[in-house]
N, C-alpha and C. Protein backbone atom coordinates (compact mmCIF):
# COMPACT_ATOMS: atom_id res chain seq x y z
N MET A 1 16.56 -28.25 43.53
CA MET A 1 17.04 -28.57 44.84
C MET A 1 16.06 -29.64 45.42
N LYS A 2 16.59 -30.61 45.87
CA LYS A 2 15.88 -31.85 46.42
C LYS A 2 15.50 -31.48 47.83
N LYS A 3 14.30 -31.77 48.52
CA LYS A 3 14.06 -31.39 49.76
C LYS A 3 13.60 -32.78 50.45
N ILE A 4 14.14 -33.08 51.54
CA ILE A 4 13.80 -34.16 52.40
C ILE A 4 13.10 -33.85 53.56
N LEU A 5 11.80 -34.41 53.77
CA LEU A 5 11.10 -34.15 55.02
C LEU A 5 11.30 -35.35 55.92
N LEU A 6 11.68 -34.99 57.23
CA LEU A 6 11.97 -35.96 58.15
C LEU A 6 10.92 -35.83 59.39
N PHE A 7 10.16 -36.81 59.53
CA PHE A 7 9.15 -36.89 60.62
C PHE A 7 9.73 -37.69 61.96
N ILE A 8 9.44 -36.97 62.90
CA ILE A 8 10.04 -37.68 64.20
C ILE A 8 8.88 -37.85 65.00
N PHE A 9 8.67 -39.27 65.49
CA PHE A 9 7.76 -39.65 66.26
C PHE A 9 8.24 -39.85 67.67
N MET A 10 7.69 -38.89 68.64
CA MET A 10 8.18 -39.02 69.88
C MET A 10 7.27 -39.58 70.88
N THR A 11 7.84 -40.50 71.81
CA THR A 11 6.88 -41.00 72.67
C THR A 11 6.73 -40.13 74.04
N THR A 12 7.49 -38.96 73.97
CA THR A 12 7.04 -38.02 75.03
C THR A 12 6.75 -36.74 74.47
N THR A 13 6.01 -35.84 75.40
CA THR A 13 5.56 -34.64 74.90
C THR A 13 6.54 -33.44 74.58
N PHE A 14 6.38 -32.69 73.44
CA PHE A 14 7.34 -31.56 73.20
C PHE A 14 6.64 -30.28 73.32
N PHE A 15 7.25 -29.37 74.11
CA PHE A 15 6.65 -27.97 74.19
C PHE A 15 7.47 -26.98 74.00
N ALA A 16 6.89 -25.97 73.34
CA ALA A 16 7.66 -24.57 73.07
C ALA A 16 6.93 -23.55 73.74
N HIS A 17 7.57 -22.92 74.64
CA HIS A 17 6.90 -21.87 75.58
C HIS A 17 7.85 -20.71 75.81
N ALA A 18 7.44 -19.52 75.19
CA ALA A 18 8.18 -18.23 75.31
C ALA A 18 9.59 -18.48 75.11
N GLN A 19 9.83 -18.91 73.82
CA GLN A 19 11.25 -18.99 73.35
C GLN A 19 12.07 -20.13 73.97
N ASN A 20 11.52 -20.98 74.93
CA ASN A 20 12.15 -22.00 75.60
C ASN A 20 11.54 -23.27 75.09
N VAL A 21 12.43 -24.29 75.17
CA VAL A 21 11.91 -25.69 74.64
C VAL A 21 11.91 -26.43 75.74
N GLY A 22 10.81 -27.36 75.86
CA GLY A 22 10.74 -28.37 76.89
C GLY A 22 10.47 -29.82 76.33
N ILE A 23 11.10 -30.84 76.68
CA ILE A 23 10.65 -32.08 76.32
C ILE A 23 10.38 -32.85 77.61
N GLY A 24 8.97 -33.25 77.64
CA GLY A 24 8.54 -33.93 78.80
C GLY A 24 8.21 -32.82 80.03
N ILE A 25 8.29 -31.45 79.57
CA ILE A 25 8.25 -30.46 80.58
C ILE A 25 7.29 -29.41 80.00
N SER A 26 6.09 -29.08 80.61
CA SER A 26 5.16 -28.26 79.96
C SER A 26 5.63 -26.66 80.10
N SER A 27 6.27 -26.33 81.16
CA SER A 27 6.66 -24.91 81.22
C SER A 27 8.14 -24.87 81.39
N PRO A 28 8.97 -25.10 80.36
CA PRO A 28 10.41 -25.00 80.47
C PRO A 28 11.00 -23.73 81.11
N SER A 29 11.87 -23.53 81.83
CA SER A 29 12.42 -22.37 82.34
C SER A 29 13.80 -22.02 81.83
N GLU A 30 14.31 -22.90 81.06
CA GLU A 30 15.53 -22.72 80.23
C GLU A 30 15.35 -22.90 78.78
N LYS A 31 16.40 -22.39 78.02
CA LYS A 31 16.26 -22.59 76.56
C LYS A 31 16.04 -23.92 76.15
N LEU A 32 16.53 -24.95 76.79
CA LEU A 32 16.18 -26.49 76.55
C LEU A 32 16.26 -27.08 77.84
N GLU A 33 15.00 -27.62 78.22
CA GLU A 33 14.96 -28.41 79.51
C GLU A 33 14.27 -29.83 79.22
N VAL A 34 15.00 -30.75 79.80
CA VAL A 34 14.52 -32.20 79.37
C VAL A 34 14.15 -32.89 80.76
N ALA A 35 12.99 -33.59 80.70
CA ALA A 35 12.70 -34.43 81.88
C ALA A 35 13.16 -35.90 81.52
N GLY A 36 14.41 -36.17 82.13
CA GLY A 36 15.01 -37.39 81.75
C GLY A 36 16.48 -37.26 81.43
N ASN A 37 17.16 -38.23 81.01
CA ASN A 37 18.50 -38.33 80.60
C ASN A 37 18.87 -37.82 79.14
N ILE A 38 19.85 -37.26 78.88
CA ILE A 38 20.29 -36.67 77.69
C ILE A 38 21.69 -37.47 77.11
N LYS A 39 21.61 -37.87 76.05
CA LYS A 39 22.81 -38.66 75.71
C LYS A 39 23.26 -37.82 74.44
N ALA A 40 24.77 -37.48 74.37
CA ALA A 40 25.27 -36.87 73.41
C ALA A 40 26.80 -37.28 73.24
N GLY A 41 27.41 -37.08 71.99
CA GLY A 41 28.70 -37.44 71.84
C GLY A 41 29.58 -36.50 72.48
N ASN A 42 29.36 -35.17 72.69
CA ASN A 42 30.09 -34.21 73.43
C ASN A 42 29.40 -32.97 73.59
N PHE A 43 29.77 -32.09 74.45
CA PHE A 43 29.01 -30.87 74.78
C PHE A 43 30.05 -29.86 74.75
N ILE A 44 29.94 -28.58 74.05
CA ILE A 44 30.77 -27.64 73.95
C ILE A 44 30.18 -26.45 74.45
N TYR A 45 30.80 -25.62 75.41
CA TYR A 45 30.31 -24.28 75.79
C TYR A 45 30.37 -23.06 74.73
N ASN A 46 29.52 -22.35 74.81
CA ASN A 46 29.67 -21.09 73.85
C ASN A 46 30.87 -20.34 74.17
N THR A 47 31.13 -19.99 75.45
CA THR A 47 32.48 -19.39 75.74
C THR A 47 33.03 -20.30 77.00
N PRO A 48 34.39 -20.37 77.24
CA PRO A 48 35.11 -21.19 78.05
C PRO A 48 34.62 -20.83 79.44
N LYS A 49 34.27 -22.00 80.23
CA LYS A 49 33.89 -21.79 81.79
C LYS A 49 35.09 -21.95 82.62
N THR A 50 34.97 -20.96 83.67
CA THR A 50 36.10 -20.85 84.45
C THR A 50 35.82 -21.98 85.88
N PHE A 51 37.05 -22.62 86.15
CA PHE A 51 36.95 -23.43 87.21
C PHE A 51 38.24 -23.07 88.23
N PHE A 52 38.25 -23.80 89.39
CA PHE A 52 39.29 -23.58 90.25
C PHE A 52 39.66 -24.86 90.97
N TYR A 53 41.02 -25.07 91.02
CA TYR A 53 41.63 -26.21 91.70
C TYR A 53 42.50 -25.72 92.89
N THR A 54 42.07 -25.99 94.25
CA THR A 54 42.67 -25.43 95.39
C THR A 54 43.30 -26.52 96.34
N LEU A 55 44.34 -26.44 96.71
CA LEU A 55 45.18 -27.21 97.58
C LEU A 55 45.51 -26.39 98.72
N SER A 56 45.11 -27.07 99.98
CA SER A 56 45.57 -26.48 101.29
C SER A 56 46.95 -26.83 101.56
N GLY A 57 47.57 -26.51 102.62
CA GLY A 57 48.77 -26.85 103.17
C GLY A 57 48.86 -28.34 103.57
N PHE A 58 47.68 -28.98 103.91
CA PHE A 58 47.74 -30.32 104.14
C PHE A 58 48.03 -31.19 102.86
N ASN A 59 47.84 -30.59 101.79
CA ASN A 59 48.04 -31.38 100.41
C ASN A 59 49.37 -31.46 99.98
N PHE A 60 50.40 -30.76 100.79
CA PHE A 60 51.74 -30.82 100.34
C PHE A 60 52.46 -31.85 101.22
N ARG A 61 53.57 -32.30 100.81
CA ARG A 61 54.61 -33.22 101.56
C ARG A 61 56.00 -32.71 101.27
N ALA A 62 56.92 -33.23 102.09
CA ALA A 62 58.22 -32.70 101.84
C ALA A 62 58.72 -33.63 100.60
N GLU A 63 59.56 -32.88 99.98
CA GLU A 63 60.26 -33.65 98.77
C GLU A 63 61.01 -34.91 99.07
N LYS A 64 61.83 -34.99 100.22
CA LYS A 64 62.32 -36.11 100.71
C LYS A 64 61.62 -36.51 102.05
N SER A 65 61.36 -37.69 102.24
CA SER A 65 60.45 -38.33 103.51
C SER A 65 61.28 -38.00 104.60
N THR A 66 62.46 -37.79 104.65
CA THR A 66 63.28 -37.68 106.07
C THR A 66 63.26 -36.22 106.54
N ASP A 67 62.60 -35.20 105.57
CA ASP A 67 62.63 -33.82 106.02
C ASP A 67 61.38 -33.72 106.98
N THR A 68 61.61 -32.60 107.86
CA THR A 68 60.51 -32.50 109.01
C THR A 68 59.62 -31.28 108.31
N ILE A 69 58.32 -31.53 108.26
CA ILE A 69 57.35 -30.42 107.90
C ILE A 69 56.52 -30.30 109.12
N LEU A 70 55.95 -29.03 109.43
CA LEU A 70 54.94 -28.79 110.41
C LEU A 70 53.76 -28.26 109.77
N VAL A 71 52.71 -28.72 110.14
CA VAL A 71 51.40 -28.43 109.65
C VAL A 71 50.56 -27.91 110.77
N SER A 72 49.98 -26.50 110.72
CA SER A 72 48.99 -26.14 111.55
C SER A 72 47.68 -26.54 111.37
N ILE A 73 47.04 -27.29 112.28
CA ILE A 73 45.83 -28.00 112.18
C ILE A 73 44.77 -26.75 111.76
N GLY A 74 44.55 -25.88 112.61
CA GLY A 74 43.56 -24.77 112.60
C GLY A 74 43.57 -24.11 111.30
N ALA A 75 44.79 -23.37 111.01
CA ALA A 75 44.91 -22.82 109.87
C ALA A 75 45.04 -23.53 108.37
N GLY A 76 45.54 -24.73 108.62
CA GLY A 76 45.69 -25.54 107.31
C GLY A 76 47.18 -25.17 106.69
N GLU A 77 47.96 -24.35 107.41
CA GLU A 77 49.18 -24.24 106.95
C GLU A 77 50.36 -25.16 107.13
N ILE A 78 51.35 -24.96 106.11
CA ILE A 78 52.44 -25.78 106.21
C ILE A 78 53.72 -25.07 106.21
N THR A 79 54.83 -25.56 106.88
CA THR A 79 56.25 -25.02 106.82
C THR A 79 57.03 -26.08 106.99
N MET A 80 58.39 -25.80 106.81
CA MET A 80 59.44 -26.88 106.85
C MET A 80 60.49 -26.36 107.83
N GLN A 81 60.95 -27.25 108.73
CA GLN A 81 62.14 -27.08 109.73
C GLN A 81 63.30 -27.62 109.11
N THR A 82 64.22 -26.83 108.67
CA THR A 82 65.46 -27.39 108.10
C THR A 82 66.66 -26.30 108.04
N ASN A 83 67.91 -26.75 108.31
CA ASN A 83 69.23 -25.80 107.98
C ASN A 83 69.64 -26.27 106.68
N LEU A 84 69.14 -27.08 105.88
CA LEU A 84 69.66 -27.54 104.75
C LEU A 84 69.22 -26.60 103.59
N LEU A 85 70.08 -26.43 102.48
CA LEU A 85 69.86 -25.62 101.37
C LEU A 85 68.96 -26.65 100.34
N GLY A 86 68.05 -25.93 99.53
CA GLY A 86 67.42 -26.58 98.56
C GLY A 86 66.26 -27.49 98.85
N LYS A 87 65.91 -27.41 100.04
CA LYS A 87 64.74 -28.34 100.41
C LYS A 87 63.43 -27.70 100.19
N ARG A 88 62.48 -28.55 99.65
CA ARG A 88 61.23 -28.04 99.15
C ARG A 88 59.97 -29.01 99.52
N ILE A 89 58.88 -28.50 99.57
CA ILE A 89 57.70 -29.17 99.71
C ILE A 89 56.89 -29.27 98.55
N VAL A 90 56.18 -30.41 97.90
CA VAL A 90 55.55 -30.65 96.68
C VAL A 90 54.31 -31.03 96.93
N ALA A 91 53.46 -30.77 95.85
CA ALA A 91 52.16 -31.34 95.71
C ALA A 91 51.73 -31.65 94.20
N PRO A 92 51.02 -32.76 93.82
CA PRO A 92 50.67 -33.06 92.66
C PRO A 92 49.44 -32.23 92.23
N VAL A 93 49.34 -31.84 90.94
CA VAL A 93 48.29 -30.98 90.22
C VAL A 93 47.55 -31.89 89.24
N GLN A 94 46.27 -32.16 89.55
CA GLN A 94 45.48 -33.05 88.67
C GLN A 94 44.34 -32.26 88.15
N LEU A 95 44.62 -31.67 86.99
CA LEU A 95 43.54 -30.91 86.31
C LEU A 95 42.94 -31.87 85.20
N PRO A 96 41.71 -31.60 84.75
CA PRO A 96 41.20 -32.42 83.57
C PRO A 96 41.97 -32.25 82.25
N ASP A 97 42.04 -33.11 81.39
CA ASP A 97 42.69 -33.03 80.04
C ASP A 97 41.86 -31.98 79.36
N GLY A 98 42.88 -31.09 78.64
CA GLY A 98 42.26 -30.01 77.96
C GLY A 98 41.78 -28.84 78.38
N ALA A 99 42.26 -28.91 79.89
CA ALA A 99 42.07 -27.52 80.66
C ALA A 99 43.14 -26.53 80.15
N THR A 100 42.77 -25.13 80.23
CA THR A 100 43.68 -24.37 79.98
C THR A 100 44.16 -23.24 81.13
N PHE A 101 45.25 -23.26 81.34
CA PHE A 101 45.72 -22.52 82.75
C PHE A 101 45.50 -21.15 82.43
N VAL A 102 44.93 -20.49 83.60
CA VAL A 102 44.72 -18.98 83.59
C VAL A 102 45.64 -18.17 84.60
N ASN A 103 45.40 -18.42 85.98
CA ASN A 103 46.06 -17.85 87.05
C ASN A 103 46.48 -18.92 88.21
N LEU A 104 47.49 -18.50 88.77
CA LEU A 104 48.09 -19.10 90.06
C LEU A 104 48.09 -18.19 91.25
N LYS A 105 47.32 -18.40 92.34
CA LYS A 105 47.16 -17.75 93.42
C LYS A 105 47.69 -18.57 94.60
N ALA A 106 47.98 -17.84 95.82
CA ALA A 106 48.60 -18.35 96.95
C ALA A 106 48.25 -17.62 98.16
N TYR A 107 47.79 -18.13 99.19
CA TYR A 107 47.82 -17.28 100.41
C TYR A 107 48.99 -17.78 101.41
N ILE A 108 49.97 -16.85 101.49
CA ILE A 108 51.12 -17.13 102.28
C ILE A 108 51.22 -16.33 103.61
N ASN A 109 51.65 -16.82 104.58
CA ASN A 109 51.86 -16.05 105.92
C ASN A 109 53.24 -15.87 106.01
N ASP A 110 53.94 -14.83 105.66
CA ASP A 110 55.38 -14.48 105.72
C ASP A 110 55.75 -13.62 106.80
N PHE A 111 56.64 -14.16 107.68
CA PHE A 111 57.13 -13.38 108.79
C PHE A 111 58.76 -13.27 108.69
N SER A 112 59.31 -13.67 107.50
CA SER A 112 60.79 -13.79 107.31
C SER A 112 61.29 -12.57 106.79
N SER A 113 62.33 -12.11 107.35
CA SER A 113 62.98 -10.71 106.85
C SER A 113 64.25 -10.96 106.01
N VAL A 114 64.49 -12.41 105.86
CA VAL A 114 65.81 -12.77 105.04
C VAL A 114 65.56 -13.40 103.74
N THR A 115 64.41 -13.84 103.53
CA THR A 115 64.03 -14.50 102.26
C THR A 115 62.49 -14.57 102.10
N ASN A 116 62.04 -15.01 100.96
CA ASN A 116 60.58 -15.12 100.54
C ASN A 116 60.21 -16.52 100.17
N LEU A 117 58.95 -16.88 100.24
CA LEU A 117 58.61 -18.15 99.80
C LEU A 117 58.23 -18.17 98.23
N GLU A 118 58.84 -19.29 97.61
CA GLU A 118 58.67 -19.25 96.07
C GLU A 118 57.64 -20.49 95.87
N ILE A 119 56.68 -20.24 94.98
CA ILE A 119 55.93 -21.39 94.62
C ILE A 119 55.94 -21.48 92.94
N VAL A 120 56.33 -22.67 92.40
CA VAL A 120 56.52 -22.90 91.07
C VAL A 120 55.57 -24.09 90.51
N LEU A 121 54.86 -23.68 89.55
CA LEU A 121 53.97 -24.81 88.78
C LEU A 121 54.94 -25.29 87.71
N TYR A 122 54.99 -26.70 87.85
CA TYR A 122 55.97 -27.45 86.83
C TYR A 122 55.02 -28.31 85.76
N ARG A 123 55.70 -28.54 84.60
CA ARG A 123 55.05 -29.54 83.81
C ARG A 123 56.26 -30.42 83.35
N LYS A 124 56.02 -31.77 83.51
CA LYS A 124 57.23 -32.66 83.21
C LYS A 124 56.62 -33.78 82.38
N THR A 125 57.40 -34.13 81.35
CA THR A 125 57.19 -35.15 80.47
C THR A 125 57.03 -36.55 81.27
N LEU A 126 56.31 -37.48 80.63
CA LEU A 126 56.13 -38.81 81.45
C LEU A 126 57.51 -39.66 81.46
N THR A 127 58.22 -39.46 80.48
CA THR A 127 59.41 -40.28 80.39
C THR A 127 60.69 -39.34 80.65
N SER A 128 60.72 -38.32 80.77
CA SER A 128 61.96 -37.54 80.91
C SER A 128 62.63 -37.62 82.04
N ASN A 129 64.05 -37.76 82.14
CA ASN A 129 64.68 -37.46 83.52
C ASN A 129 65.33 -36.02 83.72
N PHE A 130 64.89 -35.38 82.71
CA PHE A 130 65.39 -33.94 82.86
C PHE A 130 64.39 -32.97 83.59
N PHE A 131 65.04 -31.69 83.81
CA PHE A 131 64.19 -30.82 84.59
C PHE A 131 62.84 -30.62 83.81
N ALA A 132 61.87 -30.11 84.91
CA ALA A 132 60.58 -29.95 84.20
C ALA A 132 60.42 -28.44 83.79
N ASP A 133 59.41 -28.25 83.02
CA ASP A 133 59.04 -26.87 82.27
C ASP A 133 58.43 -25.90 83.45
N ASN A 134 58.95 -24.75 83.58
CA ASN A 134 58.35 -23.80 84.56
C ASN A 134 57.06 -23.20 83.92
N TYR A 135 55.97 -23.40 84.52
CA TYR A 135 54.61 -22.88 83.96
C TYR A 135 54.17 -21.65 84.66
N GLY A 136 54.74 -21.23 85.82
CA GLY A 136 54.37 -20.07 86.47
C GLY A 136 55.04 -20.00 87.93
N LEU A 137 55.30 -18.76 88.43
CA LEU A 137 55.97 -18.67 89.61
C LEU A 137 55.29 -17.42 90.45
N ILE A 138 55.31 -17.72 91.66
CA ILE A 138 54.77 -16.67 92.64
C ILE A 138 55.85 -16.59 93.91
N ALA A 139 56.07 -15.50 94.28
CA ALA A 139 57.05 -15.36 95.37
C ALA A 139 56.32 -14.29 96.41
N SER A 140 56.36 -14.60 97.62
CA SER A 140 55.95 -13.72 98.75
C SER A 140 56.85 -12.35 98.68
N SER A 141 56.51 -11.39 99.37
CA SER A 141 57.09 -10.06 99.18
C SER A 141 57.77 -9.68 100.56
N GLY A 142 57.49 -10.60 101.72
CA GLY A 142 58.17 -10.39 103.05
C GLY A 142 57.34 -9.44 103.73
N SER A 143 56.04 -9.00 103.33
CA SER A 143 55.35 -8.35 104.32
C SER A 143 54.61 -9.34 105.32
N ALA A 144 54.89 -8.80 106.60
CA ALA A 144 54.53 -9.54 107.73
C ALA A 144 52.86 -9.83 107.60
N GLY A 145 52.59 -11.02 107.96
CA GLY A 145 51.22 -11.61 107.97
C GLY A 145 50.79 -12.21 106.70
N LEU A 146 49.42 -12.44 106.65
CA LEU A 146 48.77 -13.30 105.66
C LEU A 146 48.59 -12.34 104.49
N ALA A 147 48.91 -12.80 103.30
CA ALA A 147 48.69 -11.97 102.05
C ALA A 147 48.31 -12.91 100.92
N LEU A 148 47.62 -12.43 99.85
CA LEU A 148 47.22 -13.21 98.59
C LEU A 148 48.29 -12.75 97.61
N TYR A 149 48.94 -13.70 96.96
CA TYR A 149 49.83 -13.34 95.81
C TYR A 149 49.34 -14.17 94.78
N GLN A 150 49.48 -13.43 93.52
CA GLN A 150 48.97 -14.04 92.21
C GLN A 150 49.69 -13.68 91.07
N THR A 151 49.65 -14.57 90.02
CA THR A 151 50.28 -14.36 88.83
C THR A 151 49.49 -14.94 87.59
N SER A 152 49.48 -14.33 86.54
CA SER A 152 48.92 -15.11 85.32
C SER A 152 49.78 -16.16 84.96
N LEU A 153 49.37 -17.11 84.41
CA LEU A 153 49.82 -18.45 83.80
C LEU A 153 49.91 -18.23 82.39
N PHE A 154 50.99 -19.13 81.73
CA PHE A 154 50.98 -19.09 80.46
C PHE A 154 49.67 -19.84 79.78
N THR A 155 49.11 -19.50 78.71
CA THR A 155 47.85 -20.22 78.25
C THR A 155 48.10 -21.55 77.65
N ASN A 156 48.51 -22.37 78.33
CA ASN A 156 48.96 -23.82 77.87
C ASN A 156 47.82 -24.69 78.15
N VAL A 157 47.60 -25.64 77.30
CA VAL A 157 46.52 -26.58 77.62
C VAL A 157 47.01 -27.82 78.29
N VAL A 158 46.33 -28.42 79.30
CA VAL A 158 46.77 -29.61 80.07
C VAL A 158 46.69 -30.79 78.97
N ASP A 159 47.76 -31.68 79.02
CA ASP A 159 47.78 -32.69 78.17
C ASP A 159 48.27 -33.90 79.19
N ASN A 160 47.39 -34.72 79.61
CA ASN A 160 47.51 -35.69 80.60
C ASN A 160 48.15 -36.91 79.92
N SER A 161 47.93 -36.99 78.61
CA SER A 161 48.48 -38.23 77.86
C SER A 161 50.11 -38.08 77.69
N LEU A 162 50.69 -36.85 77.99
CA LEU A 162 52.27 -36.71 77.58
C LEU A 162 52.91 -36.19 78.87
N TYR A 163 52.12 -35.46 79.83
CA TYR A 163 52.79 -34.72 80.98
C TYR A 163 52.12 -35.03 82.35
N THR A 164 53.01 -34.78 83.31
CA THR A 164 52.34 -34.68 84.66
C THR A 164 52.57 -33.22 85.22
N TYR A 165 51.89 -32.80 86.15
CA TYR A 165 52.04 -31.34 86.78
C TYR A 165 52.18 -31.51 88.17
N TYR A 166 52.92 -30.53 88.69
CA TYR A 166 53.13 -30.36 90.15
C TYR A 166 53.54 -29.08 90.52
N LEU A 167 53.18 -28.73 91.96
CA LEU A 167 53.70 -27.53 92.59
C LEU A 167 54.93 -27.88 93.39
N SER A 168 55.94 -26.91 93.35
CA SER A 168 57.09 -27.10 94.31
C SER A 168 57.22 -25.73 94.98
N VAL A 169 57.41 -25.78 96.36
CA VAL A 169 57.56 -24.59 97.21
C VAL A 169 58.80 -24.71 98.02
N GLY A 170 59.55 -23.51 98.13
CA GLY A 170 60.89 -23.47 98.82
C GLY A 170 61.28 -21.98 98.87
N SER A 171 62.42 -21.79 99.43
CA SER A 171 63.08 -20.42 99.65
C SER A 171 63.19 -19.88 98.40
N GLU A 172 62.86 -18.70 98.19
CA GLU A 172 63.28 -17.80 96.92
C GLU A 172 64.75 -17.82 96.75
N ASN A 173 65.55 -17.55 97.89
CA ASN A 173 66.83 -17.29 97.83
C ASN A 173 67.55 -18.72 98.11
N SER A 174 68.30 -19.11 97.05
CA SER A 174 68.85 -20.47 96.97
C SER A 174 69.94 -20.57 97.90
N GLY A 175 70.39 -19.42 98.43
CA GLY A 175 71.55 -19.51 99.63
C GLY A 175 70.96 -19.52 101.05
N ILE A 176 69.57 -19.64 101.05
CA ILE A 176 69.00 -19.47 102.49
C ILE A 176 68.00 -20.85 102.59
N PRO A 177 68.07 -21.55 103.67
CA PRO A 177 67.22 -22.69 103.89
C PRO A 177 65.84 -22.37 103.72
N PHE A 178 64.96 -23.38 103.64
CA PHE A 178 63.42 -23.16 103.72
C PHE A 178 63.19 -22.41 105.03
N PRO A 179 62.46 -21.24 104.95
CA PRO A 179 62.33 -20.51 106.29
C PRO A 179 61.12 -21.17 107.03
N GLY A 180 61.41 -21.32 108.23
CA GLY A 180 60.45 -21.98 109.16
C GLY A 180 59.48 -21.00 109.63
N ASN A 181 59.65 -19.71 109.24
CA ASN A 181 58.80 -18.66 109.80
C ASN A 181 57.83 -18.06 108.64
N ILE A 182 57.88 -18.96 107.58
CA ILE A 182 56.86 -18.49 106.38
C ILE A 182 56.03 -19.73 106.20
N TYR A 183 54.75 -19.64 106.19
CA TYR A 183 53.69 -20.69 106.09
C TYR A 183 52.87 -20.44 104.92
N LEU A 184 52.82 -21.62 104.16
CA LEU A 184 51.73 -21.74 103.00
C LEU A 184 50.67 -22.11 103.57
N ARG A 185 49.50 -21.52 103.17
CA ARG A 185 48.15 -21.67 103.64
C ARG A 185 47.35 -22.41 102.53
N SER A 186 47.56 -21.93 101.33
CA SER A 186 46.77 -22.43 100.16
C SER A 186 47.23 -22.04 98.90
N VAL A 187 46.91 -22.91 97.85
CA VAL A 187 47.43 -22.47 96.53
C VAL A 187 46.14 -22.66 95.50
N THR A 188 45.62 -21.80 94.68
CA THR A 188 44.55 -22.12 93.73
C THR A 188 45.00 -21.88 92.42
N ILE A 189 44.63 -22.85 91.55
CA ILE A 189 44.83 -22.66 89.85
C ILE A 189 43.56 -22.37 89.38
N GLU A 190 43.58 -21.25 88.66
CA GLU A 190 42.46 -21.01 87.81
C GLU A 190 42.54 -21.62 86.67
N TYR A 191 41.46 -22.10 86.00
CA TYR A 191 41.59 -22.81 84.64
C TYR A 191 40.29 -22.66 83.98
N THR A 192 40.30 -22.84 82.45
CA THR A 192 39.00 -22.79 81.82
C THR A 192 39.01 -24.25 81.08
N LYS A 193 37.71 -24.38 80.81
CA LYS A 193 37.42 -25.52 79.89
C LYS A 193 36.26 -25.15 78.94
N THR A 194 36.27 -25.75 77.65
CA THR A 194 35.27 -25.44 76.63
C THR A 194 34.34 -26.80 76.52
N THR A 195 34.67 -27.87 77.08
CA THR A 195 33.89 -29.05 76.98
C THR A 195 33.77 -29.67 78.48
N THR A 196 32.91 -30.45 78.58
CA THR A 196 32.49 -31.11 79.92
C THR A 196 33.32 -32.29 80.13
N GLN A 197 34.04 -32.77 79.28
CA GLN A 197 35.08 -33.90 79.58
C GLN A 197 36.28 -33.41 80.37
């Protein structure tokens, strides 16, 4: 077996201290600590790291610009005033490429006794004129007051080269207009990443 020895001449000092390695640092506190910049082709976590993407009511807009929305400045909530069926509010979702969906959570202030608020996460191809894929759905339960609703999402990976993602919010009952007495306060998408990109 042939052995090759490689000698590295460093212009900075290398330290090994109590199982930790430091480059340019005499007492490293981490497994690897460097004084200066590090350049690498990529970085991969040992286990997926969890991140959160949160939207307040301020981030949503009416699906049609002629529709009337009401935003509460103090609470950051949004609702819609309409007597027409099928009216919705929408917001884009911009997660990093390669992220994996985990959970969808929403704070909803529900005072309606006739319908619930429905929040749907959609994925749509960049070129399709057809309906988007449903990636997850939350509906309020009609309990009066502010409550947290959540659901697990399909473990699909974000692919920004082929798809766009957005949230659509409206009446759960298609025969009842968007209820003006239900308010969306925030939506959070929990996702994981294995790389820093």
